C-alpha cells in the first residue's frame, strides 16, 4: 500500500552526519505520485524534545494523539530519503491543520 503525504511512520532515521541511525517517528513529505513511482519516500524527523520557543522550520504537532504519537511532538526541519521497505511501521496520520503547517514549513525551509 503506497504512502501518502502526512503519514506518520516509524523508521531508523539517519543522523545528519550519516554515522548512525536512531529509531524514531517521521512524517512522509513526498507526494503519493512520487511514492507510487519510486522505491523510496522523503521524510522529516519527529521529536518529542520540545523547546519553549519553536526553532526555525519546526512544527509543533497540535493533534499528536490523533497522529498516534506517544508524547507531544514536533516535526524537525531535517529531511531524509529512505527506501519504503525500511519503514518499520505505520503509526498514524497528521490532521489537516498539522499537514498544512508542515507544508508551510517546507516552503520556508526550501524557499
N, C-alpha and C. Protein backbone atom coordinates (compact mmCIF):
# COMPACT_ATOMS: atom_id res chain seq x y z
N UNK A 1 0.84 -1.18 0.00
CA UNK A 1 0.00 0.00 0.00
C UNK A 1 0.89 1.24 0.00
N UNK A 2 0.69 2.16 -0.94
CA UNK A 2 1.56 3.33 -1.06
C UNK A 2 1.39 4.29 0.12
N UNK A 3 2.45 5.04 0.36
CA UNK A 3 2.44 6.02 1.44
C UNK A 3 1.93 7.35 0.91
N UNK A 4 1.38 8.16 1.81
CA UNK A 4 0.83 9.47 1.46
C UNK A 4 1.49 10.56 2.29
N UNK A 5 1.46 11.78 1.75
CA UNK A 5 1.94 12.94 2.50
C UNK A 5 1.19 12.99 3.83
N UNK A 6 1.93 13.22 4.90
CA UNK A 6 1.32 13.35 6.22
C UNK A 6 1.25 12.08 7.03
N UNK A 7 1.58 10.93 6.43
CA UNK A 7 1.58 9.69 7.21
C UNK A 7 2.73 9.70 8.20
N UNK A 8 2.45 9.27 9.41
CA UNK A 8 3.48 9.16 10.44
C UNK A 8 3.93 7.70 10.47
N UNK A 9 5.25 7.53 10.35
CA UNK A 9 5.83 6.18 10.27
C UNK A 9 6.97 6.06 11.28
N UNK A 10 7.33 4.82 11.58
CA UNK A 10 8.48 4.54 12.44
C UNK A 10 9.62 4.08 11.55
N UNK A 11 10.78 4.73 11.69
CA UNK A 11 11.93 4.42 10.85
C UNK A 11 13.22 4.47 11.67
N UNK A 12 14.28 3.98 11.09
CA UNK A 12 15.62 4.20 11.63
C UNK A 12 16.16 5.40 10.88
N UNK A 13 16.04 6.57 11.51
CA UNK A 13 16.35 7.85 10.86
C UNK A 13 17.85 8.11 10.94
N UNK A 14 18.48 8.48 9.81
CA UNK A 14 19.92 8.74 9.84
C UNK A 14 20.25 10.08 10.51
N UNK A 15 21.34 10.09 11.28
CA UNK A 15 21.86 11.35 11.81
C UNK A 15 22.38 12.16 10.63
N UNK A 16 22.41 13.48 10.76
CA UNK A 16 22.87 14.31 9.65
C UNK A 16 24.32 14.03 9.29
N UNK A 17 25.10 13.51 10.21
CA UNK A 17 26.49 13.15 9.93
C UNK A 17 26.59 11.83 9.17
N UNK A 18 25.47 11.12 9.03
CA UNK A 18 25.39 9.82 8.37
C UNK A 18 26.22 8.74 9.08
N UNK A 19 26.56 8.95 10.36
CA UNK A 19 27.38 8.00 11.10
C UNK A 19 26.56 7.00 11.91
N UNK A 20 25.30 7.26 12.10
CA UNK A 20 24.47 6.37 12.91
C UNK A 20 23.00 6.57 12.55
N UNK A 21 22.18 5.69 13.10
CA UNK A 21 20.73 5.74 12.90
C UNK A 21 20.06 5.74 14.27
N UNK A 22 18.87 6.36 14.33
CA UNK A 22 18.09 6.34 15.57
C UNK A 22 16.65 6.00 15.21
N UNK A 23 16.08 5.03 15.90
CA UNK A 23 14.68 4.70 15.65
C UNK A 23 13.82 5.82 16.19
N UNK A 24 12.98 6.36 15.31
CA UNK A 24 12.12 7.48 15.70
C UNK A 24 10.96 7.59 14.73
N UNK A 25 9.91 8.30 15.13
CA UNK A 25 8.84 8.56 14.18
C UNK A 25 9.28 9.62 13.18
N UNK A 26 8.67 9.58 12.03
CA UNK A 26 8.93 10.56 10.98
C UNK A 26 7.62 10.76 10.23
N UNK A 27 7.56 11.85 9.47
CA UNK A 27 6.37 12.12 8.66
C UNK A 27 6.77 12.07 7.19
N UNK A 28 5.96 11.40 6.39
CA UNK A 28 6.19 11.31 4.95
C UNK A 28 5.83 12.66 4.34
N UNK A 29 6.76 13.25 3.57
CA UNK A 29 6.50 14.55 2.94
C UNK A 29 6.57 14.49 1.42
N UNK A 30 6.87 13.33 0.87
CA UNK A 30 6.82 13.19 -0.59
C UNK A 30 5.38 12.90 -1.00
N UNK A 31 5.07 13.23 -2.25
CA UNK A 31 3.70 13.07 -2.74
C UNK A 31 3.37 11.60 -3.03
N UNK A 32 2.10 11.30 -3.10
CA UNK A 32 1.67 9.95 -3.45
C UNK A 32 2.20 9.55 -4.82
N UNK A 33 2.22 10.48 -5.77
CA UNK A 33 2.74 10.19 -7.11
C UNK A 33 4.20 9.79 -7.03
N UNK A 34 4.99 10.54 -6.27
CA UNK A 34 6.40 10.20 -6.07
C UNK A 34 6.51 8.81 -5.45
N UNK A 35 5.75 8.60 -4.38
CA UNK A 35 5.85 7.35 -3.64
C UNK A 35 5.39 6.15 -4.46
N UNK A 36 4.48 6.36 -5.40
CA UNK A 36 4.00 5.28 -6.27
C UNK A 36 5.02 4.90 -7.33
N UNK A 37 5.87 5.85 -7.71
CA UNK A 37 6.78 5.61 -8.83
C UNK A 37 8.23 5.38 -8.42
N UNK A 38 8.56 5.64 -7.17
CA UNK A 38 9.93 5.49 -6.67
C UNK A 38 9.97 4.43 -5.57
N UNK A 39 11.12 3.80 -5.37
CA UNK A 39 11.23 2.81 -4.30
C UNK A 39 11.43 3.45 -2.92
N UNK A 40 11.58 4.77 -2.88
CA UNK A 40 11.85 5.45 -1.61
C UNK A 40 10.76 6.46 -1.30
N UNK A 41 10.85 7.05 -0.10
CA UNK A 41 9.99 8.15 0.32
C UNK A 41 10.88 9.23 0.92
N UNK A 42 10.38 10.45 0.93
CA UNK A 42 11.08 11.55 1.59
C UNK A 42 10.35 11.80 2.90
N UNK A 43 11.13 11.88 3.98
CA UNK A 43 10.55 12.02 5.31
C UNK A 43 11.20 13.18 6.06
N UNK A 44 10.50 13.64 7.10
CA UNK A 44 11.05 14.60 8.04
C UNK A 44 10.98 13.97 9.43
N UNK A 45 12.00 14.22 10.23
CA UNK A 45 12.08 13.65 11.58
C UNK A 45 11.03 14.26 12.51
N UNK A 46 10.59 13.47 13.45
CA UNK A 46 9.69 13.93 14.52
C UNK A 46 10.42 13.72 15.84
N UNK A 47 10.34 14.71 16.71
CA UNK A 47 10.98 14.64 18.02
C UNK A 47 9.97 14.95 19.13
N UNK A 48 10.22 14.37 20.29
CA UNK A 48 9.40 14.71 21.45
C UNK A 48 10.18 15.67 22.37
N UNK A 49 11.37 16.07 21.95
CA UNK A 49 12.17 17.03 22.70
C UNK A 49 11.73 18.44 22.31
N UNK A 50 10.76 18.96 23.04
CA UNK A 50 10.20 20.27 22.72
C UNK A 50 10.93 21.36 23.49
N UNK A 51 11.03 22.53 22.86
CA UNK A 51 11.68 23.68 23.46
C UNK A 51 10.64 24.78 23.67
N UNK A 52 10.88 25.69 24.62
CA UNK A 52 9.91 26.75 24.89
C UNK A 52 9.59 27.61 23.66
N UNK A 53 10.59 27.86 22.84
CA UNK A 53 10.35 28.60 21.59
C UNK A 53 10.60 27.66 20.42
N UNK A 54 9.73 27.71 19.46
CA UNK A 54 9.83 26.84 18.30
C UNK A 54 11.01 27.31 17.43
N UNK A 55 11.89 26.38 17.09
CA UNK A 55 13.06 26.69 16.27
C UNK A 55 12.66 26.88 14.81
N UNK A 56 13.54 27.51 14.04
CA UNK A 56 13.30 27.73 12.62
C UNK A 56 12.95 26.40 11.93
N UNK A 57 11.84 26.39 11.21
CA UNK A 57 11.44 25.24 10.42
C UNK A 57 10.74 24.14 11.20
N UNK A 58 10.65 24.26 12.52
CA UNK A 58 9.95 23.24 13.30
C UNK A 58 8.45 23.49 13.29
N UNK A 59 7.71 22.41 13.44
CA UNK A 59 6.25 22.50 13.54
C UNK A 59 5.80 21.67 14.73
N UNK A 60 5.24 22.31 15.73
CA UNK A 60 4.68 21.55 16.84
C UNK A 60 3.38 20.89 16.36
N UNK A 61 3.26 19.61 16.61
CA UNK A 61 2.10 18.86 16.16
C UNK A 61 0.97 19.07 17.16
N UNK A 62 -0.06 19.77 16.73
CA UNK A 62 -1.18 20.10 17.62
C UNK A 62 -1.94 18.83 18.03
N UNK A 63 -2.28 18.00 17.05
CA UNK A 63 -3.04 16.78 17.33
C UNK A 63 -2.11 15.58 17.34
N UNK A 64 -1.19 15.55 18.30
CA UNK A 64 -0.21 14.46 18.36
C UNK A 64 -0.86 13.14 18.74
N UNK A 65 -1.95 13.18 19.51
CA UNK A 65 -2.63 11.92 19.84
C UNK A 65 -3.33 11.36 18.61
N UNK A 66 -3.91 12.25 17.78
CA UNK A 66 -4.57 11.81 16.55
C UNK A 66 -3.58 11.20 15.56
N UNK A 67 -2.32 11.64 15.64
CA UNK A 67 -1.27 11.09 14.77
C UNK A 67 -0.68 9.81 15.37
N UNK A 68 -1.23 9.40 16.51
CA UNK A 68 -0.82 8.18 17.21
C UNK A 68 0.62 8.25 17.74
N UNK A 69 0.99 9.44 18.20
CA UNK A 69 2.30 9.61 18.84
C UNK A 69 2.14 9.47 20.34
N UNK A 70 3.19 9.07 21.03
CA UNK A 70 3.12 8.79 22.46
C UNK A 70 3.19 10.04 23.33
N UNK A 71 3.81 11.10 22.81
CA UNK A 71 4.05 12.32 23.58
C UNK A 71 3.83 13.54 22.69
N UNK A 72 3.65 14.72 23.29
CA UNK A 72 3.66 15.93 22.48
C UNK A 72 4.95 15.96 21.66
N UNK A 73 4.83 16.31 20.39
CA UNK A 73 5.95 16.19 19.46
C UNK A 73 5.98 17.33 18.48
N UNK A 74 7.12 17.42 17.78
CA UNK A 74 7.30 18.43 16.73
C UNK A 74 8.00 17.80 15.54
N UNK A 75 7.68 18.31 14.36
CA UNK A 75 8.39 17.93 13.15
C UNK A 75 9.64 18.80 13.08
N UNK A 76 10.79 18.15 12.91
CA UNK A 76 12.06 18.87 12.83
C UNK A 76 12.38 19.21 11.37
N UNK A 77 13.13 20.28 11.13
CA UNK A 77 13.49 20.64 9.76
C UNK A 77 14.67 19.80 9.24
N UNK A 78 14.52 18.49 9.35
CA UNK A 78 15.55 17.55 8.92
C UNK A 78 14.89 16.54 7.98
N UNK A 79 15.41 16.49 6.75
CA UNK A 79 14.85 15.62 5.71
C UNK A 79 15.75 14.40 5.51
N UNK A 80 15.15 13.30 5.07
CA UNK A 80 15.90 12.11 4.66
C UNK A 80 15.09 11.41 3.57
N UNK A 81 15.80 10.65 2.76
CA UNK A 81 15.16 9.81 1.75
C UNK A 81 15.53 8.38 2.09
N UNK A 82 14.51 7.55 2.29
CA UNK A 82 14.77 6.15 2.63
C UNK A 82 13.92 5.24 1.75
N UNK A 83 14.38 4.03 1.59
CA UNK A 83 13.61 3.05 0.84
C UNK A 83 12.34 2.70 1.62
N UNK A 84 11.25 2.56 0.89
CA UNK A 84 9.97 2.26 1.54
C UNK A 84 10.03 0.97 2.35
N UNK A 85 10.80 0.00 1.88
CA UNK A 85 10.88 -1.29 2.60
C UNK A 85 11.57 -1.16 3.95
N UNK A 86 12.24 -0.01 4.21
CA UNK A 86 12.90 0.20 5.50
C UNK A 86 11.99 0.82 6.55
N UNK A 87 10.77 1.16 6.14
CA UNK A 87 9.80 1.68 7.12
C UNK A 87 9.36 0.52 8.00
N UNK A 88 9.54 0.70 9.30
CA UNK A 88 9.26 -0.37 10.25
C UNK A 88 7.78 -0.54 10.53
N UNK A 89 7.05 0.60 10.54
CA UNK A 89 5.64 0.53 10.93
C UNK A 89 4.94 1.83 10.56
N UNK A 90 3.68 1.74 10.19
CA UNK A 90 2.82 2.91 10.05
C UNK A 90 2.24 3.21 11.42
N UNK A 91 2.35 4.46 11.85
CA UNK A 91 1.83 4.82 13.17
C UNK A 91 0.49 5.53 13.09
N UNK A 92 0.34 6.44 12.13
CA UNK A 92 -0.88 7.23 12.03
C UNK A 92 -0.77 8.25 10.92
N UNK A 93 -1.52 9.34 11.06
CA UNK A 93 -1.52 10.38 10.03
C UNK A 93 -1.74 11.72 10.71
N UNK A 94 -1.04 12.74 10.20
CA UNK A 94 -1.25 14.09 10.71
C UNK A 94 -2.65 14.57 10.34
N UNK A 95 -3.23 15.38 11.18
CA UNK A 95 -4.50 16.01 10.86
C UNK A 95 -4.29 17.09 9.81
N UNK A 96 -5.38 17.57 9.22
CA UNK A 96 -5.31 18.55 8.12
C UNK A 96 -4.57 19.82 8.54
N UNK A 97 -4.82 20.33 9.74
CA UNK A 97 -4.14 21.55 10.18
C UNK A 97 -2.65 21.33 10.34
N UNK A 98 -2.25 20.20 10.91
CA UNK A 98 -0.84 19.89 11.07
C UNK A 98 -0.17 19.68 9.71
N UNK A 99 -0.87 19.02 8.79
CA UNK A 99 -0.32 18.86 7.43
C UNK A 99 -0.07 20.22 6.79
N UNK A 100 -1.01 21.14 6.94
CA UNK A 100 -0.87 22.48 6.36
C UNK A 100 0.33 23.20 6.97
N UNK A 101 0.54 23.02 8.27
CA UNK A 101 1.69 23.64 8.93
C UNK A 101 3.01 23.06 8.41
N UNK A 102 3.04 21.76 8.17
CA UNK A 102 4.25 21.12 7.63
C UNK A 102 4.52 21.63 6.22
N UNK A 103 3.48 21.74 5.40
CA UNK A 103 3.66 22.26 4.03
C UNK A 103 4.21 23.69 4.07
N UNK A 104 3.69 24.50 4.98
CA UNK A 104 4.17 25.89 5.12
C UNK A 104 5.63 25.89 5.57
N UNK A 105 5.98 25.05 6.52
CA UNK A 105 7.36 25.00 6.99
C UNK A 105 8.29 24.56 5.86
N UNK A 106 7.86 23.63 5.03
CA UNK A 106 8.68 23.20 3.90
C UNK A 106 8.92 24.34 2.93
N UNK A 107 7.90 25.19 2.70
CA UNK A 107 8.07 26.35 1.82
C UNK A 107 9.10 27.31 2.40
N UNK A 108 9.06 27.49 3.70
CA UNK A 108 10.02 28.40 4.37
C UNK A 108 11.43 27.80 4.31
N UNK A 109 11.55 26.51 4.58
CA UNK A 109 12.86 25.85 4.60
C UNK A 109 13.47 25.80 3.19
N UNK A 110 12.67 25.39 2.22
CA UNK A 110 13.19 25.15 0.88
C UNK A 110 13.14 26.36 -0.04
N UNK A 111 12.38 27.37 0.37
CA UNK A 111 12.34 28.61 -0.40
C UNK A 111 11.37 28.67 -1.51
